[in-house]
C-alpha cells in the first residue's frame, strides 16, 4: 500500500505539468505548531470570519478568511515583491508557487509511550522526530500541495502489559483480537518517509475535489474528536469538500465527503505466544488488512441564530474484500436499521459511527461552547434511541473563554473539555460494544496501528482544563488532564470483584508555551505523567487493603518549530 501511495505522488509530481496548474486549496496542516490555535483565538475576538465552524479541518485559510496567502493571516510573514521563496506568475499574477513552512516536531518519552494527536508519530519511548517541508503550486482551478514527512523514532523497549498479569491476559485479548493497536512497532529504530500533508485538487468556485494524504479532523472539539482526528498517520483518500462557508438564503453550509484506504500495522499485540491449557490468546487477523473508509460531514450555521453551528458526521468502515453493494461505498446509503441482537450479515460486516455536534461562538464575549454526541454502530432505530440514548454512546463537551486583561491584545484563556467513550450500560460492556473495536472488522477503527478517533484508545474517558495567558501568537498556559483508559475493559474484567483500585488512570499536569520569533513559530509542551495502576496491574496483599498498584511516572517533552519562509 505504501508503495502505491508513493507511485501516486510521483505521478502527481511529474505529471501535473500536463494540466494548467486556485490558490484556494492551500491548507494549514493540523500538525503545524501554533497556527491553528492562533486562528481559533482570533475568531473568538472577532478578527476572523465568524461563519467558519472549525468542525472540518484542515482549514483552507485563504478562501475561508479572505486572505491572500493561507499561511500568512496577518500579512506580516511574507512579501511577494521581495521574496525568494514565493512567486507570482501568469496573467495578472493570479498563479502562485508558495514554499510551505519548514517544520520540525520532536517528542521525548522517558519511560513508556504517551502522546495522542501527534500525526505520524508512533507509540515510542525515547526520542522521535518528524521533519516536513514542501511547496504549494496553483494555476487556474488546479492545485498541488507536496509536503512529505520524514519520521525518525528511537523506538526503545519499555514495559507494556505485564506478563505477570496472567489471569487478566485472556480478558485483555478479547479487545486486542478486535483492534490493531500494538504497544510497540517492532524491536528497533523506526524510520519512514511518508507522503505527509500532500494533495492534488481541482477547485471550481468554493469547492474542491481531489486526492489527499492529509490528516483530517471532524467535529468542533479542541482535544478529542470522536470520529476523525490527527492521532494516526494521514491516509490516502478522495475528498470532495467546501473551501469556505457557502452562503444561502437560510444560512451558511460547509461539508466534506471522503473515501479512503486504511492499512494494518503488521505488528502484534504484547505476549502473542501466550496460551492457557493449549488455547492461544491471540486469534490471527486477516492476512490482508486493507480496509475502506467512507464518510461525510456537514455543518450548518442558521441565519436566525448568531454564532450557532449545527452538524452531522458519519463513517462506514469495512474490509475491501467484503465490499459488494452501493451501501458499502457511500455512508448515506448504509441503512440496515434494526435491533442490535438480531443477526444482520450486511450491517454486521461494517463498522459504523455517526455523530451530531454543535458549536456556539460569541465574538463579543470572546467565548465558545461546543459538544458532540456520537453512536458506535449507526444502526439503531430512532424509537430505540429515544428510549436508551446512552446505549453505545460517546460524547464531548467543552468551552473556551478569553478574558481581556488591562494591557492591549492580552487575554486570560480559560478552557475545559470532557470526553467519554466508556459505556454506562452493562449489556454494552459485556457484548464488547466498545468504541473503535469490532467483531468483524478485527483491525478496528485504526490506520497503521493507531486509532483514528480519540487518541487514548477504546473506551477512554478524559477531562482536561487550561488556564493561560495569550497575546497574538504567544501563549503560556497550565494544563491538567485526567485520563481513564479503557473503562469498558475495567468493568469487563473486574465486574466480579468490583475492585475500584484496579482502574488505570493518568494524572497529567502540563506547561505549554507558544511564541513567535520573527518568522519562526515555537511550541513547547512539557508533561509529567503520573500513572496509577499501569495497565490495571495490582497485586493484592492479604493484610493490607490500600496496597499501591503498579504506579509509574513518565516525563514527556514535545517541541515544535515551524519556519515560514519570507
Protein backbone atom coordinates (compact mmCIF):
# COMPACT_ATOMS: atom_id res chain seq x y z
CA UNK A 1 0.00 0.00 0.00
CA UNK A 2 2.81 2.40 0.88
CA UNK A 3 4.43 1.83 -2.49
CA UNK A 4 1.10 2.63 -4.18
CA UNK A 5 0.93 5.98 -2.39
CA UNK A 6 4.46 6.83 -3.47
CA UNK A 7 3.63 5.99 -7.09
CA UNK A 8 0.57 8.23 -6.97
CA UNK A 9 2.58 11.11 -5.56
CA UNK A 10 5.31 10.63 -8.15
CA UNK A 11 2.66 10.76 -10.85
CA UNK A 12 1.31 13.93 -9.27
CA UNK A 13 4.76 15.49 -9.06
CA UNK A 14 5.91 14.72 -12.58
CA UNK A 15 2.60 14.58 -14.42
CA UNK A 16 0.96 17.70 -13.17
CA UNK A 17 2.60 19.85 -15.81
CA UNK A 18 0.25 18.32 -18.38
CA UNK A 19 -2.56 20.35 -16.79
CA UNK A 20 -2.98 24.08 -16.38
CA UNK A 21 -1.84 24.29 -12.84
CA UNK A 22 -6.51 28.04 -7.41
CA UNK A 23 -4.64 29.26 -4.51
CA UNK A 24 -7.80 28.47 -2.66
CA UNK A 25 -6.91 24.89 -1.73
CA UNK A 26 -3.76 25.51 0.29
CA UNK A 27 -4.25 24.20 3.82
CA UNK A 28 -2.70 24.78 7.22
CA UNK A 29 -1.81 21.17 8.17
CA UNK A 30 -3.18 20.00 11.51
CA UNK A 31 0.27 19.33 12.93
CA UNK A 32 1.70 22.81 12.21
CA UNK A 33 2.75 24.36 15.56
CA UNK A 34 0.90 27.43 16.89
CA UNK A 35 -1.11 28.42 13.77
CA UNK A 36 -4.40 26.57 14.33
CA UNK A 37 -4.66 27.59 17.99
CA UNK A 38 -3.96 31.17 16.89
CA UNK A 39 -6.69 31.10 14.23
CA UNK A 40 -9.29 29.81 16.68
CA UNK A 41 -8.47 32.56 19.18
CA UNK A 42 -8.66 35.24 16.51
CA UNK A 43 -12.13 34.11 15.56
CA UNK A 44 -13.23 34.43 19.20
CA UNK A 45 -12.00 38.02 19.38
CA UNK A 46 -13.82 38.86 16.14
CA UNK A 47 -10.93 39.36 13.71
CA UNK A 48 -11.56 36.28 11.52
CA UNK A 49 -14.65 35.15 9.59
CA UNK A 50 -17.24 34.10 12.20
CA UNK A 51 -19.04 31.87 9.66
CA UNK A 52 -16.27 29.20 9.74
CA UNK A 53 -17.27 26.32 12.02
CA UNK A 54 -13.76 24.88 12.70
CA UNK A 55 -15.51 21.47 12.54
CA UNK A 56 -13.92 20.36 9.23
CA UNK A 57 -10.15 20.55 9.22
CA UNK A 58 -7.55 21.15 7.86
CA UNK A 59 -8.76 24.63 7.08
CA UNK A 60 -8.26 26.45 3.79
CA UNK A 61 -7.48 29.88 5.27
CA UNK A 62 -7.16 31.89 2.03
CA UNK A 63 -10.80 31.48 0.91
CA UNK A 64 -12.24 30.82 4.39
CA UNK A 65 -10.82 34.03 5.88
CA UNK A 66 -10.43 36.04 2.68
CA UNK A 67 -6.65 36.19 2.84
CA UNK A 68 -4.15 36.40 0.01
CA UNK A 69 -1.99 33.57 1.34
CA UNK A 70 -3.18 30.91 3.77
CA UNK A 71 -0.05 30.68 5.92
CA UNK A 72 0.08 34.47 6.49
CA UNK A 73 -3.17 35.54 8.12
CA UNK A 74 -1.99 38.99 9.27
CA UNK A 75 0.29 39.77 6.29
CA UNK A 76 3.40 40.03 8.49
CA UNK A 77 5.26 36.89 7.41
CA UNK A 78 5.67 37.17 3.64
CA UNK A 79 6.28 39.77 0.94
CA UNK A 80 5.78 38.55 -2.63
CA UNK A 81 7.52 41.62 -4.03
CA UNK A 82 10.86 40.77 -2.42
CA UNK A 83 10.52 37.06 -1.61
CA UNK A 84 12.98 34.48 -2.95
CA UNK A 85 10.69 31.60 -1.88
CA UNK A 86 7.23 32.62 -3.16
CA UNK A 87 6.43 33.56 -6.75
CA UNK A 88 3.52 35.00 -8.72
CA UNK A 89 3.12 34.02 -12.37
CA UNK A 90 0.65 34.15 -15.22
CA UNK A 91 -1.74 36.89 -16.29
CA UNK A 92 -2.31 39.49 -13.56
CA UNK A 93 -0.10 37.35 -11.25
CA UNK A 94 -3.00 35.03 -10.42
CA UNK A 95 -0.89 31.86 -10.22
CA UNK A 96 1.31 31.08 -7.25
CA UNK A 97 4.24 28.98 -6.15
CA UNK A 98 4.49 29.01 -2.35
CA UNK A 99 7.16 27.36 -0.25
CA UNK A 100 5.43 25.59 2.62
CA UNK A 101 6.70 26.09 6.19
CA UNK A 102 9.68 24.03 7.26
CA UNK A 103 8.52 22.19 10.37
CA UNK A 104 10.35 20.03 12.90
CA UNK A 105 8.43 18.28 15.68
CA UNK A 106 10.26 16.37 18.42
CA UNK A 107 8.86 14.29 21.25
CA UNK A 108 10.62 12.57 24.15
CA UNK A 109 9.12 9.93 26.47
CA UNK A 110 11.29 8.90 29.38
CA UNK A 111 9.64 5.61 30.47
CA UNK A 112 6.77 4.47 28.23
CA UNK A 113 4.69 5.57 25.26
CA UNK A 114 2.38 8.57 25.73
CA UNK A 115 1.04 11.28 23.48
CA UNK A 116 -2.12 11.43 21.33
CA UNK A 117 -2.91 13.59 18.30
CA UNK A 118 0.65 13.72 17.01
CA UNK A 119 0.07 12.61 13.44
CA UNK A 120 2.52 10.10 12.05
CA UNK A 121 4.40 9.73 15.34
CA UNK A 122 4.23 6.22 16.81
CA UNK A 123 3.88 4.86 20.38
CA UNK A 124 7.51 5.38 21.37
CA UNK A 125 9.94 5.51 24.28
CA UNK A 126 12.87 7.84 23.75
CA UNK A 127 13.09 10.48 21.06
CA UNK A 128 11.16 10.71 17.83
CA UNK A 129 11.21 13.44 15.22
CA UNK A 130 9.14 14.46 12.19
CA UNK A 131 10.62 16.81 9.63
CA UNK A 132 8.34 18.22 6.92
CA UNK A 133 8.76 20.68 4.09
CA UNK A 134 7.39 21.21 0.62
CA UNK A 135 5.63 23.54 -1.78
CA UNK A 136 2.20 24.60 -2.95
CA UNK A 137 1.54 25.30 -6.63
CA UNK A 138 -1.64 26.66 -8.20
CA UNK A 139 -2.72 27.71 -11.64
CA UNK A 140 -6.29 28.31 -12.67
CA UNK A 141 -8.55 25.82 -10.95
CA UNK A 142 -5.87 23.20 -10.28
CA UNK A 143 -3.54 22.98 -7.32
CA UNK A 144 -0.93 20.70 -5.88
CA UNK A 145 0.48 20.61 -2.37
CA UNK A 146 3.53 18.42 -1.78
CA UNK A 147 4.60 18.20 1.86
CA UNK A 148 6.18 14.83 2.73
CA UNK A 149 7.19 13.88 6.27
CA UNK A 150 10.34 12.15 7.48
CA UNK A 151 9.76 10.15 10.69
CA UNK A 152 12.73 9.07 12.84
CA UNK A 153 11.93 7.22 16.10
CA UNK A 154 14.28 5.54 18.60
CA UNK A 155 11.51 3.07 19.47
CA UNK A 156 13.20 1.86 22.66
CA UNK A 157 11.87 -1.14 24.53
CA UNK A 158 9.64 -0.46 27.54
CA UNK A 159 7.41 -2.32 29.97
CA UNK A 160 3.95 -2.68 28.49
CA UNK A 161 1.24 -5.10 29.55
CA UNK A 162 2.91 -7.08 32.39
CA UNK A 163 3.36 -10.81 31.76
CA UNK A 164 2.66 -11.29 35.49
CA UNK A 165 -0.89 -10.25 34.64
CA UNK A 166 -1.65 -13.90 33.73
CA UNK A 167 -5.25 -14.10 34.87
CA UNK A 168 -6.07 -10.88 33.01
CA UNK A 169 -4.39 -11.51 29.64
CA UNK A 170 -7.31 -13.53 28.27
CA UNK A 171 -9.69 -10.69 29.11
CA UNK A 172 -7.27 -8.21 27.55
CA UNK A 173 -7.10 -10.22 24.34
CA UNK A 174 -10.88 -10.01 23.95
CA UNK A 175 -10.05 -6.43 22.99
CA UNK A 176 -6.68 -6.93 21.27
CA UNK A 177 -8.24 -9.53 18.95
CA UNK A 178 -10.71 -6.86 17.81
CA UNK A 179 -8.33 -3.97 17.12
CA UNK A 180 -4.91 -3.39 15.59
CA UNK A 181 -3.23 -1.37 18.35
CA UNK A 182 0.28 -2.71 19.09
CA UNK A 183 2.22 -1.36 22.05
CA UNK A 184 5.44 -1.18 20.04
CA UNK A 185 6.22 -1.02 16.32
CA UNK A 186 8.97 -3.62 16.01
CA UNK A 187 12.12 -4.06 18.04
CA UNK A 188 14.47 -1.41 16.69
CA UNK A 189 14.61 2.10 15.29
CA UNK A 190 11.56 3.07 13.24
CA UNK A 191 12.32 5.32 10.25
CA UNK A 192 9.88 6.15 7.45
CA UNK A 193 9.48 8.62 4.59
CA UNK A 194 5.75 9.38 4.31
CA UNK A 195 3.65 11.37 1.81
CA UNK A 196 2.53 13.56 4.70
CA UNK A 197 0.26 16.56 4.15
CA UNK A 198 0.08 16.33 0.36
CA UNK A 199 -2.80 16.72 -2.10
CA UNK A 200 -3.79 17.32 -5.71
CA UNK A 201 -7.07 19.14 -6.31
CA UNK A 202 -9.49 20.67 -8.80
CA UNK A 203 -11.12 23.75 -7.28
CA UNK A 204 -14.20 25.17 -9.03
CA UNK A 205 -15.54 28.15 -7.10
CA UNK A 206 -15.81 27.46 -3.39
CA UNK A 207 -15.49 23.67 -3.78
CA UNK A 208 -12.59 21.25 -4.09
CA UNK A 209 -12.22 17.70 -5.46
CA UNK A 210 -9.06 15.65 -5.34
CA UNK A 211 -6.71 13.11 -3.76
CA UNK A 212 -5.00 13.75 -0.44
CA UNK A 213 -2.93 12.10 2.30
CA UNK A 214 -3.52 14.94 4.79
CA UNK A 215 -4.62 14.40 8.38
CA UNK A 216 -8.31 15.12 8.96
CA UNK A 217 -10.22 16.38 12.00
CA UNK A 218 -14.02 16.23 12.16
CA UNK A 219 -16.05 17.85 14.90
CA UNK A 220 -15.88 21.06 16.98
CA UNK A 221 -13.63 19.85 19.80
CA UNK A 222 -10.11 21.07 20.54
CA UNK A 223 -8.65 17.98 22.27
CA UNK A 224 -10.55 14.81 21.33
CA UNK A 225 -12.57 14.02 18.23
CA UNK A 226 -14.97 11.07 18.27
CA UNK A 227 -14.89 10.33 14.52
CA UNK A 228 -11.67 11.59 12.89
CA UNK A 229 -8.56 13.17 14.44
CA UNK A 230 -4.87 13.60 13.75
CA UNK A 231 -3.95 10.79 16.17
CA UNK A 232 -2.81 8.48 13.34
CA UNK A 233 -0.84 8.96 10.16
CA UNK A 234 -2.85 10.53 7.33
CA UNK A 235 -4.34 8.03 4.88
CA UNK A 236 -4.82 8.17 1.12
CA UNK A 237 -8.34 9.42 0.34
CA UNK A 238 -10.52 11.07 -2.24
CA UNK A 239 -12.10 14.26 -0.95
CA UNK A 240 -14.96 16.49 -2.11
CA UNK A 241 -15.28 19.46 0.21
CA UNK A 242 -16.17 23.12 0.56
CA UNK A 243 -13.25 25.55 0.74
CA UNK A 244 -15.24 28.17 2.63
CA UNK A 245 -18.74 28.52 4.08
CA UNK A 246 -21.33 28.53 1.30
CA UNK A 247 -23.88 31.32 1.73
CA UNK A 248 -27.56 30.51 1.11
CA UNK A 249 -30.87 32.15 1.93
CA UNK A 250 -31.15 30.21 5.20
CA UNK A 251 -27.55 30.40 6.40
CA UNK A 252 -24.06 29.04 5.74
CA UNK A 253 -23.09 25.45 4.89
CA UNK A 254 -19.78 23.53 4.98
CA UNK A 255 -19.24 19.90 4.10
CA UNK A 256 -16.89 17.11 3.09
CA UNK A 257 -17.16 13.62 1.66
CA UNK A 258 -14.19 11.23 1.78
CA UNK A 259 -13.42 7.74 0.52
CA UNK A 260 -10.07 6.29 1.56
CA UNK A 261 -7.92 3.25 2.24
CA UNK A 262 -6.68 2.10 5.65
CA UNK A 263 -3.82 -0.30 6.35
CA UNK A 264 -2.94 -2.63 9.20
CA UNK A 265 0.30 -2.09 11.11
CA UNK A 266 1.78 -5.56 10.63
CA UNK A 267 2.77 -5.72 14.32
CA UNK A 268 1.38 -7.97 17.06
CA UNK A 269 -0.02 -7.06 20.50
CA UNK A 270 2.00 -7.93 23.64
CA UNK A 271 2.72 -11.57 24.53
CA UNK A 272 1.29 -13.02 21.30
CA UNK A 273 2.50 -16.55 22.21
CA UNK A 274 0.58 -16.69 25.47
CA UNK A 275 -1.82 -19.61 25.84
CA UNK A 276 -3.94 -21.26 28.53
CA UNK A 277 -4.22 -25.05 28.52
CA UNK A 278 -3.06 -25.08 24.92
CA UNK A 279 -5.54 -22.43 23.79
CA UNK A 280 -3.74 -19.39 22.33
CA UNK A 281 -4.86 -15.95 23.47
CA UNK A 282 -4.11 -14.40 20.06
CA UNK A 283 -6.51 -15.05 17.19
CA UNK A 284 -4.69 -14.01 13.98
CA UNK A 285 -6.32 -11.29 11.90
CA UNK A 286 -6.76 -11.37 8.14
CA UNK A 287 -3.57 -11.51 6.15
CA UNK A 288 -4.88 -8.65 4.00
CA UNK A 289 -5.91 -5.94 6.46
CA UNK A 290 -6.63 -3.31 3.81
CA UNK A 291 -9.88 -1.56 4.56
CA UNK A 292 -12.13 1.04 3.00
CA UNK A 293 -13.39 4.06 4.90
CA UNK A 294 -16.04 6.41 3.58
CA UNK A 295 -17.53 9.32 5.45
CA UNK A 296 -19.42 12.55 5.22
CA UNK A 297 -19.80 15.61 7.40
CA UNK A 298 -21.73 18.82 7.07
CA UNK A 299 -22.08 21.91 9.22
CA UNK A 300 -24.92 24.45 9.08
CA UNK A 301 -25.00 27.94 10.56
CA UNK A 302 -28.63 29.21 10.69
CA UNK A 303 -29.03 32.84 9.72
CA UNK A 304 -31.52 33.41 12.57
CA UNK A 305 -29.20 32.39 15.47
CA UNK A 306 -25.92 34.35 15.54
CA UNK A 307 -22.84 32.26 16.30
CA UNK A 308 -24.57 28.84 16.29
CA UNK A 309 -23.30 25.90 14.20
CA UNK A 310 -25.09 22.55 13.89
CA UNK A 311 -23.60 19.50 12.22
CA UNK A 312 -23.67 15.78 11.50
CA UNK A 313 -20.98 13.26 10.53
CA UNK A 314 -20.94 9.54 9.72
CA UNK A 315 -18.38 6.95 8.63
CA UNK A 316 -18.64 3.48 7.13
CA UNK A 317 -15.66 1.13 7.57
CA UNK A 318 -15.14 -2.42 6.29
CA UNK A 319 -12.66 -4.78 4.64
CA UNK A 320 -12.22 -4.17 0.93
CA UNK A 321 -12.71 -7.89 0.29
CA UNK A 322 -16.25 -7.64 1.75
CA UNK A 323 -17.50 -4.79 -0.44
CA UNK A 324 -20.30 -5.85 -2.80
CA UNK A 325 -23.03 -3.18 -2.79
CA UNK A 326 -23.54 0.58 -3.01
CA UNK A 327 -24.13 0.97 0.73
CA UNK A 328 -20.60 -0.33 1.34
CA UNK A 329 -19.14 2.58 -0.60
CA UNK A 330 -21.25 5.58 0.45
CA UNK A 331 -22.30 6.02 4.12
CA UNK A 332 -25.53 7.83 3.29
CA UNK A 333 -26.84 4.54 1.88
CA UNK A 334 -25.66 2.29 4.74
CA UNK A 335 -29.18 1.86 6.22
CA UNK A 336 -29.95 -1.60 7.63
CA UNK A 337 -31.53 -0.21 10.79
CA UNK A 338 -32.72 -2.82 13.26
CA UNK A 339 -32.36 -4.39 16.68
CA UNK A 340 -28.83 -4.91 18.00
CA UNK A 341 -29.37 -8.56 18.92
CA UNK A 342 -30.77 -9.62 15.53
CA UNK A 343 -28.12 -11.03 13.21
CA UNK A 344 -27.74 -8.98 10.03
CA UNK A 345 -24.77 -10.03 7.86
CA UNK A 346 -24.87 -6.88 5.72
CA UNK A 347 -24.89 -4.50 8.67
CA UNK A 348 -22.57 -6.52 10.89
CA UNK A 349 -19.70 -6.63 8.40
CA UNK A 350 -19.43 -2.84 8.68
CA UNK A 351 -18.08 -0.72 11.49
CA UNK A 352 -20.18 2.44 11.54
CA UNK A 353 -20.06 5.65 13.53
CA UNK A 354 -22.22 8.74 13.45
CA UNK A 355 -22.39 11.93 15.48
CA UNK A 356 -24.28 15.17 15.84
CA UNK A 357 -22.50 18.26 17.07
CA UNK A 358 -22.89 21.95 17.82
CA UNK A 359 -20.67 24.94 18.39
CA UNK A 360 -21.76 28.37 19.61
CA UNK A 361 -19.39 31.33 19.49
CA UNK A 362 -19.75 34.86 20.81
CA UNK A 363 -17.07 37.19 19.41
CA UNK A 364 -18.46 39.96 21.64
CA UNK A 365 -17.91 37.81 24.72
CA UNK A 366 -14.79 36.04 23.32
CA UNK A 367 -16.46 32.74 24.21
CA UNK A 368 -17.23 29.38 22.61
CA UNK A 369 -19.21 26.37 23.82
CA UNK A 370 -19.32 23.10 21.86
CA UNK A 371 -20.38 19.50 22.08
CA UNK A 372 -20.55 16.27 20.10
CA UNK A 373 -22.71 13.17 20.67
CA UNK A 374 -21.88 10.01 18.74
CA UNK A 375 -23.07 6.43 18.42
CA UNK A 376 -20.93 3.33 17.92
CA UNK A 377 -22.94 1.49 15.29
CA UNK A 378 -25.15 3.58 13.05
CA UNK A 379 -27.98 1.04 13.05
CA UNK A 380 -30.25 1.82 15.98
CA UNK A 381 -33.86 2.72 15.27
CA UNK A 382 -34.93 6.23 16.24
CA UNK A 383 -37.53 4.91 18.69
CA UNK A 384 -34.91 2.80 20.46
CA UNK A 385 -32.60 5.81 20.58
CA UNK A 386 -35.28 7.87 22.32
CA UNK A 387 -35.70 5.14 24.96
CA UNK A 388 -31.98 4.49 25.65
CA UNK A 389 -29.91 7.33 24.14
CA UNK A 390 -26.97 6.35 26.34
CA UNK A 391 -26.57 2.94 24.65
CA UNK A 392 -23.23 2.70 22.81
CA UNK A 393 -22.81 6.45 23.03
CA UNK A 394 -19.77 8.71 23.21
CA UNK A 395 -19.75 12.45 23.80
CA UNK A 396 -17.61 15.54 24.17
CA UNK A 397 -18.44 18.86 25.83
CA UNK A 398 -16.11 21.85 26.03
CA UNK A 399 -15.75 25.61 26.23
CA UNK A 400 -13.13 28.31 25.88
CA UNK A 401 -13.24 31.89 27.13
CA UNK A 402 -10.84 34.78 26.55
CA UNK A 403 -10.98 37.31 29.39
CA UNK A 404 -9.48 40.70 28.40
CA UNK A 405 -6.60 41.92 30.55
CA UNK A 406 -5.61 45.51 31.21
CA UNK A 407 -2.91 45.54 28.53
CA UNK A 408 -3.93 45.71 24.88
CA UNK A 409 -4.37 42.41 22.95
CA UNK A 410 -3.71 40.33 26.08
CA UNK A 411 -6.19 37.79 27.45
CA UNK A 412 -6.60 35.21 30.16
CA UNK A 413 -7.62 31.99 28.37
CA UNK A 414 -9.76 29.52 30.32
CA UNK A 415 -10.73 26.28 28.58
CA UNK A 416 -12.08 22.87 29.55
CA UNK A 417 -13.17 19.72 27.75
CA UNK A 418 -14.69 16.41 28.80
CA UNK A 419 -14.83 13.30 26.58
CA UNK A 420 -16.39 9.93 27.41
CA UNK A 421 -16.45 6.84 25.20
CA UNK A 422 -16.64 4.34 28.07
CA UNK A 423 -20.09 2.71 28.18
CA UNK A 424 -22.58 3.26 31.05
CA UNK A 425 -24.71 0.18 30.28
CA UNK A 426 -23.62 -3.28 31.46
CA UNK A 427 -25.07 -5.01 28.39
CA UNK A 428 -22.89 -2.92 26.04
CA UNK A 429 -19.77 -3.75 28.07
CA UNK A 430 -20.50 -7.50 28.20
CA UNK A 431 -21.29 -7.54 24.44
CA UNK A 432 -17.98 -5.76 23.70
CA UNK A 433 -19.79 -2.86 22.03
CA UNK A 434 -16.74 -0.75 22.80
CA UNK A 435 -15.78 2.25 20.70
CA UNK A 436 -13.18 1.54 17.99
CA UNK A 437 -13.11 -2.28 18.33
CA UNK A 438 -15.25 -4.59 16.14
CA UNK A 439 -16.22 -8.26 15.94
CA UNK A 440 -15.90 -8.47 12.15
CA UNK A 441 -13.52 -5.67 11.18
CA UNK A 442 -10.98 -7.00 13.64
CA UNK A 443 -8.33 -4.41 12.76
CA UNK A 444 -10.68 -1.94 14.43
CA UNK A 445 -11.04 1.73 13.65
CA UNK A 446 -7.33 2.24 13.05
CA UNK A 447 -4.78 3.12 10.41
CA UNK A 448 -1.26 1.71 10.65
CA UNK A 449 -1.85 0.64 14.24
CA UNK A 450 -3.30 3.85 15.69
CA UNK A 451 -6.90 4.84 16.45
CA UNK A 452 -8.48 7.37 14.08
CA UNK A 453 -10.68 8.95 16.76
CA UNK A 454 -9.92 9.67 20.44
CA UNK A 455 -6.17 9.21 20.78
CA UNK A 456 -6.26 7.49 24.17
CA UNK A 457 -7.92 4.46 22.62
CA UNK A 458 -11.11 2.42 23.14
CA UNK A 459 -13.50 3.39 25.95
CA UNK A 460 -11.31 6.21 27.26
CA UNK A 461 -12.74 8.95 29.48
CA UNK A 462 -10.85 12.25 29.56
CA UNK A 463 -11.15 15.51 31.49
CA UNK A 464 -8.95 18.49 30.58
CA UNK A 465 -8.63 22.08 31.78
CA UNK A 466 -6.45 25.02 30.70
CA UNK A 467 -5.59 28.36 32.29
CA UNK A 468 -3.18 30.58 30.41
CA UNK A 469 -2.04 33.99 29.21
CA UNK A 470 -2.28 34.73 25.48
CA UNK A 471 -1.30 37.59 23.20
CA UNK A 472 -1.36 37.34 19.41
CA UNK A 473 0.69 34.20 18.58
CA UNK A 474 2.01 33.83 22.14
CA UNK A 475 0.64 31.64 24.90
CA UNK A 476 1.88 30.48 28.31
CA UNK A 477 -0.55 28.05 29.91
CA UNK A 478 -1.01 25.37 32.53
CA UNK A 479 -2.98 22.25 31.57
CA UNK A 480 -4.24 19.42 33.72
CA UNK A 481 -5.66 16.21 32.30
CA UNK A 482 -7.20 13.11 33.88
CA UNK A 483 -7.34 10.05 31.61
CA UNK A 484 -9.14 6.81 32.42
CA UNK A 485 -8.02 4.13 29.94
CA UNK A 486 -10.47 1.57 28.52
CA UNK A 487 -13.11 1.85 31.19
CA UNK A 488 -15.11 -0.91 29.47
CA UNK A 489 -12.23 -3.34 29.98
CA UNK A 490 -12.06 -2.44 33.66
CA UNK A 491 -15.72 -3.36 34.21
CA UNK A 492 -15.47 -6.36 31.87
CA UNK A 493 -12.54 -7.80 33.83
CA UNK A 494 -13.32 -6.73 37.41
CA UNK A 495 -17.11 -6.90 37.45
CA UNK A 496 -16.99 -9.80 39.89
CA UNK A 497 -14.71 -8.16 42.44
CA UNK A 498 -15.88 -4.57 41.84
CA UNK A 499 -12.39 -3.52 42.90
CA UNK A 500 -12.05 0.20 42.15
CA UNK A 501 -8.32 0.05 42.99
CA UNK A 502 -7.54 -1.51 39.59
CA UNK A 503 -8.58 1.47 37.46
CA UNK A 504 -5.86 2.54 35.03
CA UNK A 505 -5.61 6.33 35.35
CA UNK A 506 -3.17 9.03 34.27
CA UNK A 507 -2.94 12.41 36.01
CA UNK A 508 -1.07 14.78 33.71
CA UNK A 509 -0.07 18.36 34.60
CA UNK A 510 1.48 20.23 31.66
CA UNK A 511 3.26 23.51 30.98
CA UNK A 512 2.58 24.80 27.46
CA UNK A 513 4.21 27.70 25.65
CA UNK A 514 3.77 29.16 22.15
CA UNK A 515 5.88 32.01 20.85
CA UNK A 516 6.76 33.85 17.69
CA UNK A 517 10.31 34.96 16.89
CA UNK A 518 10.08 36.81 13.60
CA UNK A 519 9.11 34.17 11.04
CA UNK A 520 9.80 31.34 13.48
CA UNK A 521 6.92 29.79 15.43
CA UNK A 522 7.86 27.71 18.50
CA UNK A 523 5.65 25.39 20.54
CA UNK A 524 6.61 23.56 23.73
CA UNK A 525 4.60 21.13 25.86
CA UNK A 526 6.24 19.62 28.96
CA UNK A 527 4.22 16.98 30.79
CA UNK A 528 4.58 14.93 33.94
CA UNK A 529 2.53 11.74 33.61
CA UNK A 530 1.61 10.19 36.97
CA UNK A 531 0.15 6.76 36.18
CA UNK A 532 -1.91 4.87 38.74
CA UNK A 533 -2.24 1.08 38.31
CA UNK A 534 -0.38 0.94 35.00
CA UNK A 535 -2.17 -1.49 32.67
CA UNK A 536 -4.69 -2.20 35.50
CA UNK A 537 -1.99 -4.11 37.43
CA UNK A 538 -2.28 -4.51 41.18
CA UNK A 539 -1.05 -7.31 43.47
CA UNK A 540 -3.30 -7.88 46.47
CA UNK A 541 -1.79 -8.23 49.94
CA UNK A 542 -3.75 -10.35 52.47
CA UNK A 543 -3.06 -7.96 55.36
CA UNK A 544 -3.25 -4.62 53.52
CA UNK A 545 -6.20 -3.28 51.51
CA UNK A 546 -4.77 0.03 50.30
CA UNK A 547 -1.80 -1.57 48.61
CA UNK A 548 -0.22 0.55 45.86
CA UNK A 549 -0.64 -0.76 42.35
CA UNK A 550 1.92 -0.61 39.57
CA UNK A 551 2.23 3.18 39.77
CA UNK A 552 4.67 4.75 37.32
CA UNK A 553 5.94 8.17 36.28
CA UNK A 554 6.87 9.46 32.84
CA UNK A 555 8.29 12.74 31.60
CA UNK A 556 7.10 13.83 28.17
CA UNK A 557 8.61 16.75 26.30
CA UNK A 558 7.23 17.92 22.94
CA UNK A 559 8.78 20.75 20.92
CA UNK A 560 7.56 22.01 17.56
CA UNK A 561 9.36 24.57 15.41
CA UNK A 562 7.95 25.95 12.17
CA UNK A 563 9.69 28.48 9.94
CA UNK A 564 7.50 30.39 7.49
CA UNK A 565 9.66 31.48 4.57
CA UNK A 566 9.59 35.19 3.89
